[in-house]
Structure formats: C-alpha cells, structure tokens
Amino acid sequence: MLNKACDENYGTVPVFTGGVLTSITTTDGVVSNDSTHSWGLWYVEKGKYDFVKSDSYSIIASDYTVLSWAYTENDAKPMIAVDATATSIYGYAQPHSLVTLSPVGTEIVGAMQGSSMVVGTDRSSNYPDAIALGKKEKIITEVGTYTDPSYEAIMNASPDLVVCDSSAYAHISMAGM
C-alpha cells in the first residue's frame, strides 16, 4: 500500500534497507531516517485513541481503526489531521497551538484531547470545561465571533493551526479559499 501511495502522489517508491523503511522521496525532496527522526508504521487499535508503533510491517489493516506510516521525531507519536478538502495532513508529533473559529470546531478539538493546545476561540465556544476555564483565566483569547472572526486577534494568538468551519463564509474568505 505504501508503494502505491508513493507512486500515485510522488511518482516514486519508498526505500527499504534491511527490511526497514529508510526514506521516501516527496515533492519537497528526500525524507530520510536520521539521528533524530525516523519512519515507522503506526496504528490505533479499535476502541482506543492512542497511536502505537508497530514492531512489524506485516499487519492486517482491517484489524485497526487507523494505520499510518509517519515520520516522527525520536519515535514520538504521529499527529494526523484532515482538512476541509479531505486531504490528509501529517505533521511532527510535537505540541502545537491552535485557534478554533466555531463552537463545533472547539468541541471536536476537545473530543480529540486537544484542549490544552487551544490558544484562541470564537466568543461562543465554552465547552469542554477546560476551554471555558481557559477563557475565564485569560489563557485562551477570544478572537471574534463565529460569523466575524478577527484576523488581527488570530494572528496575535500566534497559532500553528486555525480550525475553521467551511459552512461559514467568513472562515472561507479569511482562509483564501
């Protein structure tokens, strides 16, 4: 499956050395194992929410909720997201800061155990409790309303990621879509 994904996305094949994935050539260049980063096969067991690094590449995908190849720092767990166009976004497994622009987006982030990364929300977001408390203690900034987010307030919060709602025109126009 990895061979097919690499071929379809990059026109390349992954490189295995001694049975271990060592590099993949992408549109940004070659991404190789080094002293601080490595490729690994990760999975999430059914009924669980945490990634586990597989000891073997010979596993049955249907046995798991999520199965992913990921390039991570020092075997840190991968972070995966999907944007509004259904494109997967793979990032390094490190803490990120984010702003949510709708109550639904805030609740989804909370359900994914990401409340601690939220640095800004729309005025109406008040759940989960960690968000309401963060806003009360001024740890989380209000960045406008659901229908009128403030670009300046979002930029002042310096998020790594902004979670928008594609049904809100203001969010789409701000994102330049």
Foldseek 3Di string as FASTA:
>chain_A
DQQVVLCVQAVWGFDDDPNFGAWGQHPVGIDGDDPFKHKFKWFAAPPGQFIDTDPDPPDDCVRGPDIDIAIETPPAGWDWDADPVRDIDTDYPDQWAEEELDQVQQVVCVVSVNLVRYQEYAPPHCPDVSNVVCVVVVSHYHQYHSQDGHPVSRVVSVGPYYHHDVVHPVRCVVVVD
